[in-house]
PDB file of N, CA and C in Angstrom:
ATOM      1  N   MET A   1      95.712  36.855 253.588  1.00  0.00           N
ATOM      2  CA  MET A   1      96.404  37.929 252.886  1.00  0.00           C
ATOM      3  C   MET A   1      95.521  39.173 252.930  1.00  0.00           C
ATOM      4  N   LEU A   2      96.146  40.312 253.220  1.00  0.00           N
ATOM      5  CA  LEU A   2      95.396  41.566 253.234  1.00  0.00           C
ATOM      6  C   LEU A   2      94.847  41.855 251.840  1.00  0.00           C
ATOM      7  N   PRO A   3      93.605  42.340 251.752  1.00  0.00           N
ATOM      8  CA  PRO A   3      93.001  42.608 250.438  1.00  0.00           C
ATOM      9  C   PRO A   3      93.830  43.559 249.572  1.00  0.00           C
ATOM     10  N   GLU A   4      94.428  44.601 250.187  1.00  0.00           N
ATOM     11  CA  GLU A   4      95.210  45.552 249.385  1.00  0.00           C
ATOM     12  C   GLU A   4      96.475  44.912 248.817  1.00  0.00           C
ATOM     13  N   ILE A   5      97.052  43.953 249.556  1.00  0.00           N
ATOM     14  CA  ILE A   5      98.228  43.235 249.040  1.00  0.00           C
ATOM     15  C   ILE A   5      97.807  42.323 247.896  1.00  0.00           C
ATOM     16  N   LYS A   6      96.699  41.629 248.064  1.00  0.00           N
ATOM     17  CA  LYS A   6      96.200  40.742 247.006  1.00  0.00           C
ATOM     18  C   LYS A   6      95.877  41.540 245.737  1.00  0.00           C
ATOM     19  N   THR A   7      95.238  42.689 245.908  1.00  0.00           N
ATOM     20  CA  THR A   7      94.895  43.533 244.759  1.00  0.00           C
ATOM     21  C   THR A   7      96.157  44.035 244.058  1.00  0.00           C
ATOM     22  N   ALA A   8      97.150  44.466 244.840  1.00  0.00           N
ATOM     23  CA  ALA A   8      98.411  44.930 244.249  1.00  0.00           C
ATOM     24  C   ALA A   8      99.104  43.798 243.502  1.00  0.00           C
ATOM     25  N   TYR A   9      99.105  42.601 244.074  1.00  0.00           N
ATOM     26  CA  TYR A   9      99.718  41.441 243.423  1.00  0.00           C
ATOM     27  C   TYR A   9      99.011  41.127 242.107  1.00  0.00           C
ATOM     28  N   GLN A  10      97.701  41.067 242.151  1.00  0.00           N
ATOM     29  CA  GLN A  10      96.933  40.746 240.949  1.00  0.00           C
ATOM     30  C   GLN A  10      97.088  41.808 239.872  1.00  0.00           C
ATOM     31  N   GLY A  11      97.339  43.051 240.286  1.00  0.00           N
ATOM     32  CA  GLY A  11      97.510  44.132 239.327  1.00  0.00           C
ATOM     33  C   GLY A  11      98.954  44.334 238.891  1.00  0.00           C
ATOM     34  N   GLY A  12      99.857  43.470 239.368  1.00  0.00           N
ATOM     35  CA  GLY A  12     101.256  43.587 238.986  1.00  0.00           C
ATOM     36  C   GLY A  12     101.962  44.781 239.614  1.00  0.00           C
ATOM     37  N   ARG A  13     101.458  45.241 240.759  1.00  0.00           N
ATOM     38  CA  ARG A  13     102.030  46.425 241.392  1.00  0.00           C
ATOM     39  C   ARG A  13     102.655  46.117 242.747  1.00  0.00           C
ATOM     40  N   LEU A  14     102.941  44.873 243.012  1.00  0.00           N
ATOM     41  CA  LEU A  14     103.496  44.492 244.305  1.00  0.00           C
ATOM     42  C   LEU A  14     105.012  44.468 244.225  1.00  0.00           C
ATOM     43  N   MET A  15     105.662  45.082 245.206  1.00  0.00           N
ATOM     44  CA  MET A  15     107.118  45.079 245.282  1.00  0.00           C
ATOM     45  C   MET A  15     107.503  44.410 246.584  1.00  0.00           C
ATOM     46  N   LEU A  16     108.291  43.368 246.502  1.00  0.00           N
ATOM     47  CA  LEU A  16     108.698  42.621 247.672  1.00  0.00           C
ATOM     48  C   LEU A  16     110.051  43.117 248.156  1.00  0.00           C
ATOM     49  N   LEU A  17     110.119  43.517 249.414  1.00  0.00           N
ATOM     50  CA  LEU A  17     111.380  43.916 250.024  1.00  0.00           C
ATOM     51  C   LEU A  17     111.759  42.830 251.019  1.00  0.00           C
ATOM     52  N   LEU A  18     112.846  42.148 250.766  1.00  0.00           N
ATOM     53  CA  LEU A  18     113.299  41.084 251.646  1.00  0.00           C
ATOM     54  C   LEU A  18     114.211  41.644 252.721  1.00  0.00           C
ATOM     55  N   GLY A  19     114.213  41.014 253.847  1.00  0.00           N
ATOM     56  CA  GLY A  19     115.081  41.431 254.931  1.00  0.00           C
ATOM     57  C   GLY A  19     116.163  40.394 255.180  1.00  0.00           C
ATOM     58  N   ALA A  20     116.836  40.552 256.296  1.00  0.00           N
ATOM     59  CA  ALA A  20     117.856  39.608 256.765  1.00  0.00           C
ATOM     60  C   ALA A  20     118.981  39.391 255.766  1.00  0.00           C
ATOM     61  N   GLY A  21     119.318  40.431 255.021  1.00  0.00           N
ATOM     62  CA  GLY A  21     120.471  40.338 254.132  1.00  0.00           C
ATOM     63  C   GLY A  21     120.257  39.521 252.876  1.00  0.00           C
ATOM     64  N   ALA A  22     119.014  39.335 252.458  1.00  0.00           N
ATOM     65  CA  ALA A  22     118.734  38.512 251.277  1.00  0.00           C
ATOM     66  C   ALA A  22     119.426  39.031 250.025  1.00  0.00           C
ATOM     67  N   SER A  23     119.655  40.325 249.963  1.00  0.00           N
ATOM     68  CA  SER A  23     120.290  40.894 248.772  1.00  0.00           C
ATOM     69  C   SER A  23     121.744  41.283 249.016  1.00  0.00           C
ATOM     70  N   ASP A  24     122.327  40.836 250.128  1.00  0.00           N
ATOM     71  CA  ASP A  24     123.709  41.190 250.458  1.00  0.00           C
ATOM     72  C   ASP A  24     124.659  40.812 249.325  1.00  0.00           C
ATOM     73  N   LYS A  25     125.467  41.754 248.911  1.00  0.00           N
ATOM     74  CA  LYS A  25     126.469  41.587 247.847  1.00  0.00           C
ATOM     75  C   LYS A  25     125.855  41.467 246.450  1.00  0.00           C
ATOM     76  N   SER A  26     124.539  41.691 246.329  1.00  0.00           N
ATOM     77  CA  SER A  26     123.917  41.751 245.012  1.00  0.00           C
ATOM     78  C   SER A  26     124.148  43.144 244.439  1.00  0.00           C
ATOM     79  N   HIS A  27     123.917  43.294 243.134  1.00  0.00           N
ATOM     80  CA  HIS A  27     124.143  44.578 242.471  1.00  0.00           C
ATOM     81  C   HIS A  27     122.916  44.971 241.664  1.00  0.00           C
ATOM     82  N   ASP A  28     122.746  46.275 241.495  1.00  0.00           N
ATOM     83  CA  ASP A  28     121.625  46.757 240.687  1.00  0.00           C
ATOM     84  C   ASP A  28     122.004  46.773 239.221  1.00  0.00           C
ATOM     85  N   SER A  29     121.120  47.266 238.381  1.00  0.00           N
ATOM     86  CA  SER A  29     121.356  47.264 236.941  1.00  0.00           C
ATOM     87  C   SER A  29     122.518  48.163 236.533  1.00  0.00           C
ATOM     88  N   ASN A  30     122.934  49.087 237.415  1.00  0.00           N
ATOM     89  CA  ASN A  30     124.097  49.943 237.156  1.00  0.00           C
ATOM     90  C   ASN A  30     125.357  49.400 237.823  1.00  0.00           C
ATOM     91  N   ASP A  31     125.279  48.181 238.318  1.00  0.00           N
ATOM     92  CA  ASP A  31     126.372  47.480 238.987  1.00  0.00           C
ATOM     93  C   ASP A  31     126.758  48.099 240.326  1.00  0.00           C
ATOM     94  N   LEU A  32     125.843  48.851 240.934  1.00  0.00           N
ATOM     95  CA  LEU A  32     126.055  49.370 242.285  1.00  0.00           C
ATOM     96  C   LEU A  32     125.591  48.316 243.282  1.00  0.00           C
ATOM     97  N   GLU A  33     126.323  48.167 244.388  1.00  0.00           N
ATOM     98  CA  GLU A  33     125.938  47.181 245.388  1.00  0.00           C
ATOM     99  C   GLU A  33     124.593  47.564 246.009  1.00  0.00           C
ATOM    100  N   MET A  34     123.754  46.565 246.222  1.00  0.00           N
ATOM    101  CA  MET A  34     122.441  46.802 246.812  1.00  0.00           C
ATOM    102  C   MET A  34     122.614  47.204 248.276  1.00  0.00           C
ATOM    103  N   PRO A  35     121.835  48.184 248.737  1.00  0.00           N
ATOM    104  CA  PRO A  35     121.958  48.628 250.123  1.00  0.00           C
ATOM    105  C   PRO A  35     121.256  47.675 251.090  1.00  0.00           C
ATOM    106  N   MET A  36     121.793  47.601 252.281  1.00  0.00           N
ATOM    107  CA  MET A  36     121.109  46.900 253.363  1.00  0.00           C
ATOM    108  C   MET A  36     120.179  47.906 254.044  1.00  0.00           C
ATOM    109  N   GLY A  37     119.516  47.534 255.108  1.00  0.00           N
ATOM    110  CA  GLY A  37     118.481  48.356 255.743  1.00  0.00           C
ATOM    111  C   GLY A  37     118.865  49.794 256.007  1.00  0.00           C
ATOM    112  N   ASN A  38     119.952  50.025 256.736  1.00  0.00           N
ATOM    113  CA  ASN A  38     120.354  51.402 257.043  1.00  0.00           C
ATOM    114  C   ASN A  38     120.756  52.157 255.786  1.00  0.00           C
ATOM    115  N   GLY A  39     121.427  51.476 254.870  1.00  0.00           N
ATOM    116  CA  GLY A  39     121.823  52.117 253.617  1.00  0.00           C
ATOM    117  C   GLY A  39     120.625  52.516 252.786  1.00  0.00           C
ATOM    118  N   LEU A  40     119.622  51.649 252.752  1.00  0.00           N
ATOM    119  CA  LEU A  40     118.410  51.959 252.005  1.00  0.00           C
ATOM    120  C   LEU A  40     117.663  53.114 252.671  1.00  0.00           C
ATOM    121  N   ALA A  41     117.614  53.119 253.994  1.00  0.00           N
ATOM    122  CA  ALA A  41     116.966  54.226 254.707  1.00  0.00           C
ATOM    123  C   ALA A  41     117.656  55.545 254.369  1.00  0.00           C
ATOM    124  N   LYS A  42     118.988  55.540 254.330  1.00  0.00           N
ATOM    125  CA  LYS A  42     119.729  56.758 253.995  1.00  0.00           C
ATOM    126  C   LYS A  42     119.470  57.190 252.557  1.00  0.00           C
ATOM    127  N   GLU A  43     119.466  56.227 251.628  1.00  0.00           N
ATOM    128  CA  GLU A  43     119.179  56.565 250.227  1.00  0.00           C
ATOM    129  C   GLU A  43     117.795  57.180 250.087  1.00  0.00           C
ATOM    130  N   LEU A  44     116.821  56.635 250.808  1.00  0.00           N
ATOM    131  CA  LEU A  44     115.470  57.191 250.737  1.00  0.00           C
ATOM    132  C   LEU A  44     115.417  58.597 251.315  1.00  0.00           C
ATOM    133  N   ALA A  45     116.087  58.808 252.453  1.00  0.00           N
ATOM    134  CA  ALA A  45     116.126  60.151 253.047  1.00  0.00           C
ATOM    135  C   ALA A  45     116.796  61.127 252.082  1.00  0.00           C
ATOM    136  N   ASP A  46     117.884  60.700 251.460  1.00  0.00           N
ATOM    137  CA  ASP A  46     118.577  61.550 250.481  1.00  0.00           C
ATOM    138  C   ASP A  46     117.661  61.891 249.302  1.00  0.00           C
ATOM    139  N   LEU A  47     116.819  60.944 248.935  1.00  0.00           N
ATOM    140  CA  LEU A  47     115.902  61.135 247.810  1.00  0.00           C
ATOM    141  C   LEU A  47     115.024  62.370 247.998  1.00  0.00           C
ATOM    142  N   VAL A  48     114.621  62.600 249.233  1.00  0.00           N
ATOM    143  CA  VAL A  48     113.747  63.746 249.506  1.00  0.00           C
ATOM    144  C   VAL A  48     114.473  64.853 250.274  1.00  0.00           C
ATOM    145  N   ASN A  49     115.801  64.788 250.238  1.00  0.00           N
ATOM    146  CA  ASN A  49     116.643  65.816 250.867  1.00  0.00           C
ATOM    147  C   ASN A  49     116.390  65.982 252.358  1.00  0.00           C
ATOM    148  N   TRP A  50     116.205  64.860 253.057  1.00  0.00           N
ATOM    149  CA  TRP A  50     116.060  64.866 254.504  1.00  0.00           C
ATOM    150  C   TRP A  50     117.364  64.420 255.131  1.00  0.00           C
ATOM    151  N   ASN A  51     117.665  64.947 256.293  1.00  0.00           N
ATOM    152  CA  ASN A  51     118.812  64.466 257.052  1.00  0.00           C
ATOM    153  C   ASN A  51     118.509  63.065 257.551  1.00  0.00           C
ATOM    154  N   TYR A  52     119.497  62.188 257.485  1.00  0.00           N
ATOM    155  CA  TYR A  52     119.331  60.828 258.001  1.00  0.00           C
ATOM    156  C   TYR A  52     120.165  60.701 259.261  1.00  0.00           C
ATOM    157  N   ASN A  53     119.505  60.334 260.353  1.00  0.00           N
ATOM    158  CA  ASN A  53     120.170  60.222 261.647  1.00  0.00           C
ATOM    159  C   ASN A  53     120.010  58.823 262.235  1.00  0.00           C
ATOM    160  N   GLY A  54     120.051  57.810 261.386  1.00  0.00           N
ATOM    161  CA  GLY A  54     119.977  56.442 261.868  1.00  0.00           C
ATOM    162  C   GLY A  54     118.577  55.931 262.152  1.00  0.00           C
ATOM    163  N   GLU A  55     117.562  56.610 261.637  1.00  0.00           N
ATOM    164  CA  GLU A  55     116.191  56.149 261.851  1.00  0.00           C
ATOM    165  C   GLU A  55     115.988  54.786 261.197  1.00  0.00           C
ATOM    166  N   LEU A  56     115.038  54.031 261.708  1.00  0.00           N
ATOM    167  CA  LEU A  56     114.713  52.728 261.142  1.00  0.00           C
ATOM    168  C   LEU A  56     114.180  52.878 259.715  1.00  0.00           C
ATOM    169  N   LEU A  57     114.501  51.919 258.882  1.00  0.00           N
ATOM    170  CA  LEU A  57     114.003  51.916 257.504  1.00  0.00           C
ATOM    171  C   LEU A  57     112.486  52.033 257.478  1.00  0.00           C
ATOM    172  N   SER A  58     111.806  51.317 258.343  1.00  0.00           N
ATOM    173  CA  SER A  58     110.334  51.362 258.346  1.00  0.00           C
ATOM    174  C   SER A  58     109.817  52.766 258.636  1.00  0.00           C
ATOM    175  N   ASN A  59     110.500  53.505 259.507  1.00  0.00           N
ATOM    176  CA  ASN A  59     110.071  54.874 259.806  1.00  0.00           C
ATOM    177  C   ASN A  59     110.326  55.814 258.640  1.00  0.00           C
ATOM    178  N   VAL A  60     111.488  55.686 258.015  1.00  0.00           N
ATOM    179  CA  VAL A  60     111.817  56.529 256.858  1.00  0.00           C
ATOM    180  C   VAL A  60     110.851  56.236 255.718  1.00  0.00           C
ATOM    181  N   TYR A  61     110.627  54.948 255.456  1.00  0.00           N
ATOM    182  CA  TYR A  61     109.700  54.546 254.390  1.00  0.00           C
ATOM    183  C   TYR A  61     108.314  55.140 254.639  1.00  0.00           C
ATOM    184  N   SER A  62     107.795  54.977 255.854  1.00  0.00           N
ATOM    185  CA  SER A  62     106.450  55.469 256.166  1.00  0.00           C
ATOM    186  C   SER A  62     106.346  56.980 256.016  1.00  0.00           C
ATOM    187  N   ALA A  63     107.363  57.692 256.480  1.00  0.00           N
ATOM    188  CA  ALA A  63     107.336  59.153 256.396  1.00  0.00           C
ATOM    189  C   ALA A  63     107.345  59.619 254.947  1.00  0.00           C
ATOM    190  N   ILE A  64     108.190  59.010 254.128  1.00  0.00           N
ATOM    191  CA  ILE A  64     108.254  59.418 252.719  1.00  0.00           C
ATOM    192  C   ILE A  64     106.997  58.985 251.979  1.00  0.00           C
ATOM    193  N   ASN A  65     106.516  57.805 252.283  1.00  0.00           N
ATOM    194  CA  ASN A  65     105.307  57.309 251.632  1.00  0.00           C
ATOM    195  C   ASN A  65     104.132  58.252 251.882  1.00  0.00           C
ATOM    196  N   ALA A  66     104.111  58.886 253.043  1.00  0.00           N
ATOM    197  CA  ALA A  66     103.026  59.805 253.386  1.00  0.00           C
ATOM    198  C   ALA A  66     103.091  61.115 252.608  1.00  0.00           C
ATOM    199  N   VAL A  67     104.295  61.523 252.180  1.00  0.00           N
ATOM    200  CA  VAL A  67     104.420  62.828 251.519  1.00  0.00           C
ATOM    201  C   VAL A  67     104.737  62.745 250.030  1.00  0.00           C
ATOM    202  N   ASP A  68     105.350  61.657 249.571  1.00  0.00           N
ATOM    203  CA  ASP A  68     105.723  61.580 248.149  1.00  0.00           C
ATOM    204  C   ASP A  68     105.910  60.125 247.717  1.00  0.00           C
ATOM    205  N   SER A  69     104.834  59.367 247.793  1.00  0.00           N
ATOM    206  CA  SER A  69     104.927  57.938 247.457  1.00  0.00           C
ATOM    207  C   SER A  69     105.297  57.722 245.997  1.00  0.00           C
ATOM    208  N   ALA A  70     104.871  58.602 245.105  1.00  0.00           N
ATOM    209  CA  ALA A  70     105.179  58.433 243.689  1.00  0.00           C
ATOM    210  C   ALA A  70     106.682  58.486 243.438  1.00  0.00           C
ATOM    211  N   ARG A  71     107.356  59.459 244.043  1.00  0.00           N
ATOM    212  CA  ARG A  71     108.799  59.575 243.850  1.00  0.00           C
ATOM    213  C   ARG A  71     109.523  58.359 244.433  1.00  0.00           C
ATOM    214  N   MET A  72     109.060  57.919 245.600  1.00  0.00           N
ATOM    215  CA  MET A  72     109.693  56.774 246.228  1.00  0.00           C
ATOM    216  C   MET A  72     109.514  55.514 245.379  1.00  0.00           C
ATOM    217  N   HIS A  73     108.346  55.301 244.846  1.00  0.00           N
ATOM    218  CA  HIS A  73     108.113  54.110 244.027  1.00  0.00           C
ATOM    219  C   HIS A  73     108.883  54.181 242.711  1.00  0.00           C
ATOM    220  N   THR A  74     109.055  55.352 242.166  1.00  0.00           N
ATOM    221  CA  THR A  74     109.895  55.507 240.979  1.00  0.00           C
ATOM    222  C   THR A  74     111.341  55.157 241.320  1.00  0.00           C
ATOM    223  N   TYR A  75     111.801  55.611 242.483  1.00  0.00           N
ATOM    224  CA  TYR A  75     113.148  55.270 242.943  1.00  0.00           C
ATOM    225  C   TYR A  75     113.290  53.753 243.069  1.00  0.00           C
ATOM    226  N   PHE A  76     112.341  53.110 243.750  1.00  0.00           N
ATOM    227  CA  PHE A  76     112.408  51.655 243.919  1.00  0.00           C
ATOM    228  C   PHE A  76     112.443  50.931 242.578  1.00  0.00           C
ATOM    229  N   ARG A  77     111.616  51.384 241.654  1.00  0.00           N
ATOM    230  CA  ARG A  77     111.573  50.741 240.339  1.00  0.00           C
ATOM    231  C   ARG A  77     112.942  50.809 239.666  1.00  0.00           C
ATOM    232  N   GLY A  78     113.578  51.959 239.735  1.00  0.00           N
ATOM    233  CA  GLY A  78     114.881  52.108 239.105  1.00  0.00           C
ATOM    234  C   GLY A  78     116.006  51.426 239.859  1.00  0.00           C
ATOM    235  N   ARG A  79     115.952  51.474 241.175  1.00  0.00           N
ATOM    236  CA  ARG A  79     117.048  50.944 241.996  1.00  0.00           C
ATOM    237  C   ARG A  79     116.974  49.436 242.185  1.00  0.00           C
ATOM    238  N   LEU A  80     115.768  48.887 242.201  1.00  0.00           N
ATOM    239  CA  LEU A  80     115.611  47.486 242.569  1.00  0.00           C
ATOM    240  C   LEU A  80     115.152  46.570 241.433  1.00  0.00           C
ATOM    241  N   THR A  81     115.060  47.099 240.227  1.00  0.00           N
ATOM    242  CA  THR A  81     114.660  46.283 239.084  1.00  0.00           C
ATOM    243  C   THR A  81     115.918  45.795 238.356  1.00  0.00           C
ATOM    244  N   ASN A  82     115.874  44.570 237.878  1.00  0.00           N
ATOM    245  CA  ASN A  82     116.988  43.949 237.136  1.00  0.00           C
ATOM    246  C   ASN A  82     118.255  43.836 237.969  1.00  0.00           C
ATOM    247  N   THR A  83     118.095  43.387 239.192  1.00  0.00           N
ATOM    248  CA  THR A  83     119.258  43.201 240.056  1.00  0.00           C
ATOM    249  C   THR A  83     120.002  41.919 239.682  1.00  0.00           C
ATOM    250  N   LYS A  84     121.264  41.892 240.066  1.00  0.00           N
ATOM    251  CA  LYS A  84     122.103  40.725 239.813  1.00  0.00           C
ATOM    252  C   LYS A  84     122.466  40.108 241.151  1.00  0.00           C
ATOM    253  N   PRO A  85     122.235  38.806 241.317  1.00  0.00           N
ATOM    254  CA  PRO A  85     122.550  38.165 242.594  1.00  0.00           C
ATOM    255  C   PRO A  85     124.048  38.127 242.865  1.00  0.00           C
ATOM    256  N   SER A  86     124.363  37.969 244.142  1.00  0.00           N
ATOM    257  CA  SER A  86     125.775  37.844 244.517  1.00  0.00           C
ATOM    258  C   SER A  86     126.314  36.523 243.972  1.00  0.00           C
ATOM    259  N   VAL A  87     127.621  36.468 243.856  1.00  0.00           N
ATOM    260  CA  VAL A  87     128.236  35.231 243.338  1.00  0.00           C
ATOM    261  C   VAL A  87     128.779  34.383 244.457  1.00  0.00           C
TER     262      VAL A  87
END
């Protein structure tokens, strides 16, 4: 395990993002459907008022993390906390 991941885990600051549709049809605390990869990439781009042109989630995440990680992590905390699984 990478030391920075272990430190984040031990400090309660680790956020796990699952892939392959693990959250498909799940809902957030406001009962909005959870986004899949492209949807999440678009939401993140919208967060910082960037045009989204189908870029990979990993690229959008990295670009935003480089310029405004605090805002992005606040977004994740609000959007991805207290989710409800699909039925």
